Amino acid sequence: MNRARAFVNDAFRGGQGRILTNQAPFTVEYLNAALEELQDKLGENGVITFIQDNIILTPITPLATPDPAKELFISYDGFFNGTAMVSKPFLPSNVVAVEKLWERQTGSGLPFQPMTEPMEGLPSILQGPWLNYWEYRGDSIYLTGSTQTEDLRMRAQIRQVPIAAADAGDLDNVEIQILASVNAMATLVAYNYARARGANAAQLMAADALKMMRYIVRRYTRQKQSTPYNRRAYGESGDRRGVRLPF
């Protein structure tokens, strides 16, 4: 915020500003708009800051009676177990998209096995000991269900929770979880502030913000370019965990 104030020439009162202050009612909205745009831009370019792995969802309880007509789902509000909605497990509030799921029997201590996401919806099957299939729709994970209690391991895209209005006056305790993003965030806040006031410099600030975000994207892109990737050879197969087999 100190840097944003400097960008819009409001670095008065020791940097606290006269208009773009931390306590101003519009400040938290400018900050959240900047945070959302920065995350959108980085996520669009595949920046891995917003991937979280090994999120465990448990217990996925068994169906009372196997029935191909039943589906389970996990949402932000809880878990529909085929009969009733219960509070746990639930999707964490910072998850915006699910990428992959694995499963194992609860309490088994065995490795998680990969699940399949069908291209055209869940199949109609008589449930067995494994969940096998999953689908992400309506911001929820839908499952066919199983006859044993299961744990799910999830890889998901996440977002930083927006800054609460109650925290706006004490921004020293607010953490932006994107490394080396001060220039990008400050320029985006300055752009939102200038645009709202019809300043001619607003478009220049928008161009500067895009430049700052590209710097962050390039940092992650170069890191990923250091990792060699190879296609699986024709006819090469793997077991249910995706591990290469010796035949």
C-alpha atoms as a PDB file:
ATOM      1  CA  MET A   1       0.000   0.000   0.000  1.00  0.00           C
ATOM      2  CA  ASN A   2       2.905   2.378   0.695  1.00  0.00           C
ATOM      3  CA  ARG A   3       4.217   1.721  -2.796  1.00  0.00           C
ATOM      4  CA  ALA A   4       0.774   2.143  -4.367  1.00  0.00           C
ATOM      5  CA  ARG A   5       0.435   5.493  -2.612  1.00  0.00           C
ATOM      6  CA  ALA A   6       3.821   6.515  -3.976  1.00  0.00           C
ATOM      7  CA  PHE A   7       2.702   5.543  -7.499  1.00  0.00           C
ATOM      8  CA  VAL A   8      -0.386   7.803  -7.288  1.00  0.00           C
ATOM      9  CA  ASN A   9       1.469  10.653  -5.543  1.00  0.00           C
ATOM     10  CA  ASP A  10      -0.350  10.210  -2.224  1.00  0.00           C
ATOM     11  CA  ALA A  11       2.679   9.380  -0.050  1.00  0.00           C
ATOM     12  CA  PHE A  12       1.854  11.963   2.624  1.00  0.00           C
ATOM     13  CA  ARG A  13       1.917  11.643   6.436  1.00  0.00           C
ATOM     14  CA  GLY A  14       4.962   9.395   6.452  1.00  0.00           C
ATOM     15  CA  GLY A  15       3.593   7.245   3.627  1.00  0.00           C
ATOM     16  CA  GLN A  16       0.151   6.694   5.169  1.00  0.00           C
ATOM     17  CA  GLY A  17      -1.547   8.864   2.557  1.00  0.00           C
ATOM     18  CA  ARG A  18      -4.387  11.359   2.647  1.00  0.00           C
ATOM     19  CA  ILE A  19      -6.894   9.673   0.303  1.00  0.00           C
ATOM     20  CA  LEU A  20      -5.637   6.144  -0.465  1.00  0.00           C
ATOM     21  CA  THR A  21      -5.322   5.258   3.205  1.00  0.00           C
ATOM     22  CA  ASN A  22      -5.558   1.768   4.678  1.00  0.00           C
ATOM     23  CA  GLN A  23      -8.769   2.791   6.466  1.00  0.00           C
ATOM     24  CA  ALA A  24     -10.524   4.156   3.360  1.00  0.00           C
ATOM     25  CA  PRO A  25     -13.628   2.041   2.563  1.00  0.00           C
ATOM     26  CA  PHE A  26     -12.507   1.478  -1.035  1.00  0.00           C
ATOM     27  CA  THR A  27      -8.973   0.314  -0.170  1.00  0.00           C
ATOM     28  CA  VAL A  28      -9.857  -3.296   0.654  1.00  0.00           C
ATOM     29  CA  GLU A  29     -11.868  -3.514  -2.586  1.00  0.00           C
ATOM     30  CA  TYR A  30      -8.885  -2.253  -4.607  1.00  0.00           C
ATOM     31  CA  LEU A  31      -6.648  -4.772  -2.853  1.00  0.00           C
ATOM     32  CA  ASN A  32      -9.009  -7.684  -3.486  1.00  0.00           C
ATOM     33  CA  ALA A  33      -9.504  -6.648  -7.118  1.00  0.00           C
ATOM     34  CA  ALA A  34      -5.714  -6.564  -7.535  1.00  0.00           C
ATOM     35  CA  LEU A  35      -5.299  -9.919  -5.789  1.00  0.00           C
ATOM     36  CA  GLU A  36      -7.981 -11.563  -7.923  1.00  0.00           C
ATOM     37  CA  GLU A  37      -6.573 -10.200 -11.182  1.00  0.00           C
ATOM     38  CA  LEU A  38      -3.027 -11.225 -10.263  1.00  0.00           C
ATOM     39  CA  GLN A  39      -4.126 -14.774  -9.421  1.00  0.00           C
ATOM     40  CA  ASP A  40      -6.192 -15.015 -12.618  1.00  0.00           C
ATOM     41  CA  LYS A  41      -3.241 -13.917 -14.731  1.00  0.00           C
ATOM     42  CA  LEU A  42      -0.786 -16.268 -13.063  1.00  0.00           C
ATOM     43  CA  GLY A  43      -3.216 -19.192 -13.077  1.00  0.00           C
ATOM     44  CA  GLU A  44      -3.924 -18.608 -16.776  1.00  0.00           C
ATOM     45  CA  ASN A  45      -0.209 -19.068 -17.395  1.00  0.00           C
ATOM     46  CA  GLY A  46       0.061 -22.251 -15.340  1.00  0.00           C
ATOM     47  CA  VAL A  47       1.953 -20.788 -12.385  1.00  0.00           C
ATOM     48  CA  ILE A  48       2.227 -23.638  -9.863  1.00  0.00           C
ATOM     49  CA  THR A  49       1.855 -21.391  -6.812  1.00  0.00           C
ATOM     50  CA  PHE A  50      -1.860 -22.140  -7.046  1.00  0.00           C
ATOM     51  CA  ILE A  51      -1.651 -25.932  -7.007  1.00  0.00           C
ATOM     52  CA  GLN A  52      -2.034 -27.783  -3.711  1.00  0.00           C
ATOM     53  CA  ASP A  53      -1.448 -31.513  -3.526  1.00  0.00           C
ATOM     54  CA  ASN A  54      -2.156 -34.223  -0.954  1.00  0.00           C
ATOM     55  CA  ILE A  55      -5.400 -32.737   0.369  1.00  0.00           C
ATOM     56  CA  ILE A  56      -7.047 -35.616   2.252  1.00  0.00           C
ATOM     57  CA  LEU A  57     -10.845 -35.902   2.330  1.00  0.00           C
ATOM     58  CA  THR A  58     -12.161 -38.530   4.752  1.00  0.00           C
ATOM     59  CA  PRO A  59     -14.243 -40.484   5.593  1.00  0.00           C
ATOM     60  CA  ILE A  60     -16.154 -41.284   2.416  1.00  0.00           C
ATOM     61  CA  THR A  61     -18.623 -43.640   4.059  1.00  0.00           C
ATOM     62  CA  PRO A  62     -20.160 -46.615   2.200  1.00  0.00           C
ATOM     63  CA  LEU A  63     -23.666 -46.712   0.789  1.00  0.00           C
ATOM     64  CA  ALA A  64     -26.194 -48.452   3.012  1.00  0.00           C
ATOM     65  CA  THR A  65     -27.429 -50.380  -0.031  1.00  0.00           C
ATOM     66  CA  PRO A  66     -25.666 -50.466  -3.429  1.00  0.00           C
ATOM     67  CA  ASP A  67     -27.848 -48.791  -6.038  1.00  0.00           C
ATOM     68  CA  PRO A  68     -26.777 -47.664  -9.559  1.00  0.00           C
ATOM     69  CA  ALA A  69     -29.246 -44.756  -9.275  1.00  0.00           C
ATOM     70  CA  LYS A  70     -27.345 -43.162  -6.364  1.00  0.00           C
ATOM     71  CA  GLU A  71     -24.523 -40.630  -6.466  1.00  0.00           C
ATOM     72  CA  LEU A  72     -22.558 -39.030  -3.642  1.00  0.00           C
ATOM     73  CA  PHE A  73     -21.041 -35.554  -3.664  1.00  0.00           C
ATOM     74  CA  ILE A  74     -18.604 -33.425  -1.670  1.00  0.00           C
ATOM     75  CA  SER A  75     -19.237 -29.671  -1.716  1.00  0.00           C
ATOM     76  CA  TYR A  76     -18.154 -26.620   0.266  1.00  0.00           C
ATOM     77  CA  ASP A  77     -21.087 -27.286   2.594  1.00  0.00           C
ATOM     78  CA  GLY A  78     -20.337 -30.914   3.384  1.00  0.00           C
ATOM     79  CA  PHE A  79     -20.823 -34.472   2.131  1.00  0.00           C
ATOM     80  CA  PHE A  80     -23.973 -36.076   0.737  1.00  0.00           C
ATOM     81  CA  ASN A  81     -23.563 -39.757   1.615  1.00  0.00           C
ATOM     82  CA  GLY A  82     -26.413 -41.025  -0.548  1.00  0.00           C
ATOM     83  CA  THR A  83     -28.991 -40.548   2.195  1.00  0.00           C
ATOM     84  CA  ALA A  84     -28.292 -37.313   4.067  1.00  0.00           C
ATOM     85  CA  MET A  85     -26.016 -34.266   4.081  1.00  0.00           C
ATOM     86  CA  VAL A  86     -23.302 -34.379   6.776  1.00  0.00           C
ATOM     87  CA  SER A  87     -20.723 -31.748   7.723  1.00  0.00           C
ATOM     88  CA  LYS A  88     -17.542 -33.714   6.888  1.00  0.00           C
ATOM     89  CA  PRO A  89     -15.699 -34.086   4.653  1.00  0.00           C
ATOM     90  CA  PHE A  90     -16.062 -30.835   2.716  1.00  0.00           C
ATOM     91  CA  LEU A  91     -14.161 -28.948   0.033  1.00  0.00           C
ATOM     92  CA  PRO A  92     -11.784 -26.348   1.520  1.00  0.00           C
ATOM     93  CA  SER A  93     -12.949 -22.802   0.809  1.00  0.00           C
ATOM     94  CA  ASN A  94      -9.768 -21.933  -1.140  1.00  0.00           C
ATOM     95  CA  VAL A  95     -10.236 -24.752  -3.701  1.00  0.00           C
ATOM     96  CA  VAL A  96     -11.499 -23.463  -7.066  1.00  0.00           C
ATOM     97  CA  ALA A  97     -11.018 -26.562  -9.245  1.00  0.00           C
ATOM     98  CA  VAL A  98     -10.146 -30.220  -8.680  1.00  0.00           C
ATOM     99  CA  GLU A  99      -7.432 -31.659 -10.922  1.00  0.00           C
ATOM    100  CA  LYS A 100      -6.901 -35.264  -9.783  1.00  0.00           C
ATOM    101  CA  LEU A 101      -8.200 -37.736  -7.202  1.00  0.00           C
ATOM    102  CA  TRP A 102      -6.787 -40.905  -5.661  1.00  0.00           C
ATOM    103  CA  GLU A 103      -8.451 -43.355  -3.247  1.00  0.00           C
ATOM    104  CA  ARG A 104      -7.650 -45.984  -0.638  1.00  0.00           C
ATOM    105  CA  GLN A 105      -9.527 -47.930   2.024  1.00  0.00           C
ATOM    106  CA  THR A 106      -9.646 -45.967   5.284  1.00  0.00           C
ATOM    107  CA  GLY A 107      -7.191 -47.283   7.849  1.00  0.00           C
ATOM    108  CA  SER A 108      -5.382 -49.541   5.381  1.00  0.00           C
ATOM    109  CA  GLY A 109      -2.138 -47.534   5.296  1.00  0.00           C
ATOM    110  CA  LEU A 110      -1.735 -48.549   1.634  1.00  0.00           C
ATOM    111  CA  PRO A 111      -0.746 -46.266  -1.248  1.00  0.00           C
ATOM    112  CA  PHE A 112      -3.543 -44.256  -2.835  1.00  0.00           C
ATOM    113  CA  GLN A 113      -4.787 -45.542  -6.192  1.00  0.00           C
ATOM    114  CA  PRO A 114      -5.653 -43.134  -9.042  1.00  0.00           C
ATOM    115  CA  MET A 115      -9.311 -42.645  -9.909  1.00  0.00           C
ATOM    116  CA  THR A 116     -10.809 -42.058 -13.352  1.00  0.00           C
ATOM    117  CA  GLU A 117     -12.656 -38.919 -14.449  1.00  0.00           C
ATOM    118  CA  PRO A 118     -14.970 -39.991 -17.315  1.00  0.00           C
ATOM    119  CA  MET A 119     -15.323 -37.527 -20.181  1.00  0.00           C
ATOM    120  CA  GLU A 120     -19.121 -37.688 -20.357  1.00  0.00           C
ATOM    121  CA  GLY A 121     -20.311 -38.119 -16.797  1.00  0.00           C
ATOM    122  CA  LEU A 122     -20.366 -40.881 -14.225  1.00  0.00           C
ATOM    123  CA  PRO A 123     -21.311 -44.374 -15.401  1.00  0.00           C
ATOM    124  CA  SER A 124     -24.329 -46.205 -14.021  1.00  0.00           C
ATOM    125  CA  ILE A 125     -22.790 -49.095 -12.073  1.00  0.00           C
ATOM    126  CA  LEU A 126     -23.546 -51.377  -9.154  1.00  0.00           C
ATOM    127  CA  GLN A 127     -21.162 -50.167  -6.459  1.00  0.00           C
ATOM    128  CA  GLY A 128     -18.280 -52.355  -5.248  1.00  0.00           C
ATOM    129  CA  PRO A 129     -15.375 -51.895  -2.814  1.00  0.00           C
ATOM    130  CA  TRP A 130     -13.781 -49.073  -4.861  1.00  0.00           C
ATOM    131  CA  LEU A 131     -15.130 -45.672  -5.824  1.00  0.00           C
ATOM    132  CA  ASN A 132     -13.223 -45.817  -9.152  1.00  0.00           C
ATOM    133  CA  TYR A 133     -14.904 -42.785 -10.812  1.00  0.00           C
ATOM    134  CA  TRP A 134     -15.318 -39.102 -10.030  1.00  0.00           C
ATOM    135  CA  GLU A 135     -16.654 -35.997 -11.751  1.00  0.00           C
ATOM    136  CA  TYR A 136     -16.267 -32.302 -10.900  1.00  0.00           C
ATOM    137  CA  ARG A 137     -19.452 -30.363 -11.650  1.00  0.00           C
ATOM    138  CA  GLY A 138     -21.439 -27.643  -9.974  1.00  0.00           C
ATOM    139  CA  ASP A 139     -18.374 -26.830  -7.843  1.00  0.00           C
ATOM    140  CA  SER A 140     -18.658 -30.261  -6.195  1.00  0.00           C
ATOM    141  CA  ILE A 141     -16.994 -33.686  -6.475  1.00  0.00           C
ATOM    142  CA  TYR A 142     -19.522 -36.338  -7.542  1.00  0.00           C
ATOM    143  CA  LEU A 143     -18.844 -40.035  -6.867  1.00  0.00           C
ATOM    144  CA  THR A 144     -20.556 -43.316  -7.705  1.00  0.00           C
ATOM    145  CA  GLY A 145     -20.095 -44.556  -4.133  1.00  0.00           C
ATOM    146  CA  SER A 146     -18.626 -47.762  -2.728  1.00  0.00           C
ATOM    147  CA  THR A 147     -19.251 -50.526  -0.195  1.00  0.00           C
ATOM    148  CA  GLN A 148     -16.299 -49.663   2.066  1.00  0.00           C
ATOM    149  CA  THR A 149     -15.124 -46.504   3.835  1.00  0.00           C
ATOM    150  CA  GLU A 150     -12.605 -44.641   1.697  1.00  0.00           C
ATOM    151  CA  ASP A 151     -10.069 -41.814   1.920  1.00  0.00           C
ATOM    152  CA  LEU A 152      -9.632 -39.439  -1.009  1.00  0.00           C
ATOM    153  CA  ARG A 153      -6.357 -37.713  -1.880  1.00  0.00           C
ATOM    154  CA  MET A 154      -6.881 -34.568  -3.957  1.00  0.00           C
ATOM    155  CA  ARG A 155      -4.755 -32.315  -6.156  1.00  0.00           C
ATOM    156  CA  ALA A 156      -6.527 -28.999  -6.689  1.00  0.00           C
ATOM    157  CA  GLN A 157      -6.215 -25.438  -7.886  1.00  0.00           C
ATOM    158  CA  ILE A 158      -6.486 -23.038  -4.970  1.00  0.00           C
ATOM    159  CA  ARG A 159      -6.973 -19.307  -4.463  1.00  0.00           C
ATOM    160  CA  GLN A 160      -6.014 -17.004  -1.647  1.00  0.00           C
ATOM    161  CA  VAL A 161      -9.035 -16.094   0.449  1.00  0.00           C
ATOM    162  CA  PRO A 162     -10.002 -12.408  -0.106  1.00  0.00           C
ATOM    163  CA  ILE A 163      -8.863  -9.848   2.438  1.00  0.00           C
ATOM    164  CA  ALA A 164     -11.663  -9.233   4.937  1.00  0.00           C
ATOM    165  CA  ALA A 165     -12.963  -5.722   5.467  1.00  0.00           C
ATOM    166  CA  ALA A 166     -12.215  -6.117   9.167  1.00  0.00           C
ATOM    167  CA  ASP A 167      -8.503  -6.533   8.335  1.00  0.00           C
ATOM    168  CA  ALA A 168      -8.264  -3.456   6.129  1.00  0.00           C
ATOM    169  CA  GLY A 169      -7.239  -1.159   8.969  1.00  0.00           C
ATOM    170  CA  ASP A 170      -4.413  -3.482  10.068  1.00  0.00           C
ATOM    171  CA  LEU A 171      -2.783  -4.639   6.856  1.00  0.00           C
ATOM    172  CA  ASP A 172       0.465  -5.523   8.649  1.00  0.00           C
ATOM    173  CA  ASN A 173      -1.197  -8.813   9.601  1.00  0.00           C
ATOM    174  CA  VAL A 174      -2.357  -9.635   6.055  1.00  0.00           C
ATOM    175  CA  GLU A 175      -0.122 -11.933   3.996  1.00  0.00           C
ATOM    176  CA  ILE A 176      -0.175 -12.046   0.193  1.00  0.00           C
ATOM    177  CA  GLN A 177       0.966 -15.590  -0.591  1.00  0.00           C
ATOM    178  CA  ILE A 178       2.694 -14.788  -3.894  1.00  0.00           C
ATOM    179  CA  LEU A 179       6.444 -14.282  -3.713  1.00  0.00           C
ATOM    180  CA  ALA A 180       7.993 -11.092  -5.140  1.00  0.00           C
ATOM    181  CA  SER A 181       4.606  -9.634  -6.050  1.00  0.00           C
ATOM    182  CA  VAL A 182       4.853  -6.205  -4.350  1.00  0.00           C
ATOM    183  CA  ASN A 183       5.325  -4.257  -7.593  1.00  0.00           C
ATOM    184  CA  ALA A 184       2.508  -6.091  -9.366  1.00  0.00           C
ATOM    185  CA  MET A 185       0.046  -5.691  -6.478  1.00  0.00           C
ATOM    186  CA  ALA A 186       0.967  -2.028  -5.896  1.00  0.00           C
ATOM    187  CA  THR A 187       0.602  -1.172  -9.580  1.00  0.00           C
ATOM    188  CA  LEU A 188      -2.772  -2.911  -9.807  1.00  0.00           C
ATOM    189  CA  VAL A 189      -4.025  -1.043  -6.722  1.00  0.00           C
ATOM    190  CA  ALA A 190      -2.738   2.221  -8.214  1.00  0.00           C
ATOM    191  CA  TYR A 191      -4.479   1.436 -11.513  1.00  0.00           C
ATOM    192  CA  ASN A 192      -7.821   0.757  -9.811  1.00  0.00           C
ATOM    193  CA  TYR A 193      -7.474   3.973  -7.822  1.00  0.00           C
ATOM    194  CA  ALA A 194      -6.535   6.065 -10.879  1.00  0.00           C
ATOM    195  CA  ARG A 195      -9.220   4.558 -13.129  1.00  0.00           C
ATOM    196  CA  ALA A 196     -11.951   5.343 -10.591  1.00  0.00           C
ATOM    197  CA  ARG A 197     -10.900   8.994 -10.720  1.00  0.00           C
ATOM    198  CA  GLY A 198     -10.609   9.254 -14.500  1.00  0.00           C
ATOM    199  CA  ALA A 199      -6.853   9.840 -14.407  1.00  0.00           C
ATOM    200  CA  ASN A 200      -5.102   9.903 -17.766  1.00  0.00           C
ATOM    201  CA  ALA A 201      -2.298   7.797 -16.283  1.00  0.00           C
ATOM    202  CA  ALA A 202      -4.631   4.861 -15.603  1.00  0.00           C
ATOM    203  CA  GLN A 203      -3.913   3.109 -18.907  1.00  0.00           C
ATOM    204  CA  LEU A 204      -0.171   3.509 -18.398  1.00  0.00           C
ATOM    205  CA  MET A 205      -0.560   1.909 -14.981  1.00  0.00           C
ATOM    206  CA  ALA A 206      -2.520  -0.975 -16.538  1.00  0.00           C
ATOM    207  CA  ALA A 207       0.345  -1.572 -18.977  1.00  0.00           C
ATOM    208  CA  ASP A 208       2.870  -1.424 -16.124  1.00  0.00           C
ATOM    209  CA  ALA A 209       0.832  -3.917 -14.089  1.00  0.00           C
ATOM    210  CA  LEU A 210       0.770  -6.353 -17.010  1.00  0.00           C
ATOM    211  CA  LYS A 211       4.542  -6.013 -17.330  1.00  0.00           C
ATOM    212  CA  MET A 212       5.019  -6.751 -13.616  1.00  0.00           C
ATOM    213  CA  MET A 213       2.807  -9.838 -13.835  1.00  0.00           C
ATOM    214  CA  ARG A 214       4.774 -11.103 -16.838  1.00  0.00           C
ATOM    215  CA  TYR A 215       7.949 -10.935 -14.784  1.00  0.00           C
ATOM    216  CA  ILE A 216       6.394 -13.303 -12.223  1.00  0.00           C
ATOM    217  CA  VAL A 217       5.143 -15.644 -14.956  1.00  0.00           C
ATOM    218  CA  ARG A 218       8.596 -15.758 -16.575  1.00  0.00           C
ATOM    219  CA  ARG A 219      10.222 -16.671 -13.271  1.00  0.00           C
ATOM    220  CA  TYR A 220       8.015 -19.763 -12.949  1.00  0.00           C
ATOM    221  CA  THR A 221       8.236 -20.584 -16.661  1.00  0.00           C
ATOM    222  CA  ARG A 222      12.022 -20.689 -16.568  1.00  0.00           C
ATOM    223  CA  GLN A 223      11.932 -22.910 -13.518  1.00  0.00           C
ATOM    224  CA  LYS A 224       9.625 -25.368 -15.316  1.00  0.00           C
ATOM    225  CA  GLN A 225      11.834 -25.322 -18.421  1.00  0.00           C
ATOM    226  CA  SER A 226      14.657 -26.832 -16.367  1.00  0.00           C
ATOM    227  CA  THR A 227      12.665 -30.075 -15.955  1.00  0.00           C
ATOM    228  CA  PRO A 228      12.931 -32.573 -18.877  1.00  0.00           C
ATOM    229  CA  TYR A 229       9.659 -34.134 -20.048  1.00  0.00           C
ATOM    230  CA  ASN A 230       9.312 -37.167 -22.341  1.00  0.00           C
ATOM    231  CA  ARG A 231       6.293 -38.824 -23.895  1.00  0.00           C
ATOM    232  CA  ARG A 232       5.527 -42.389 -22.860  1.00  0.00           C
ATOM    233  CA  ALA A 233       6.702 -44.784 -25.585  1.00  0.00           C
ATOM    234  CA  TYR A 234       4.099 -46.516 -27.732  1.00  0.00           C
ATOM    235  CA  GLY A 235       2.826 -49.672 -26.030  1.00  0.00           C
ATOM    236  CA  GLU A 236       4.261 -48.721 -22.663  1.00  0.00           C
ATOM    237  CA  SER A 237       1.804 -49.296 -19.831  1.00  0.00           C
ATOM    238  CA  GLY A 238       1.546 -48.758 -16.089  1.00  0.00           C
ATOM    239  CA  ASP A 239      -0.237 -50.275 -13.157  1.00  0.00           C
ATOM    240  CA  ARG A 240      -3.194 -48.658 -11.392  1.00  0.00           C
ATOM    241  CA  ARG A 241      -0.834 -46.198  -9.681  1.00  0.00           C
ATOM    242  CA  GLY A 242       0.686 -45.044 -12.982  1.00  0.00           C
ATOM    243  CA  VAL A 243       3.954 -46.880 -12.201  1.00  0.00           C
ATOM    244  CA  ARG A 244       5.814 -48.330 -15.174  1.00  0.00           C
ATOM    245  CA  LEU A 245       5.637 -52.111 -15.402  1.00  0.00           C
ATOM    246  CA  PRO A 246       8.591 -54.291 -16.483  1.00  0.00           C
ATOM    247  CA  PHE A 247       6.649 -55.698 -19.440  1.00  0.00           C
END
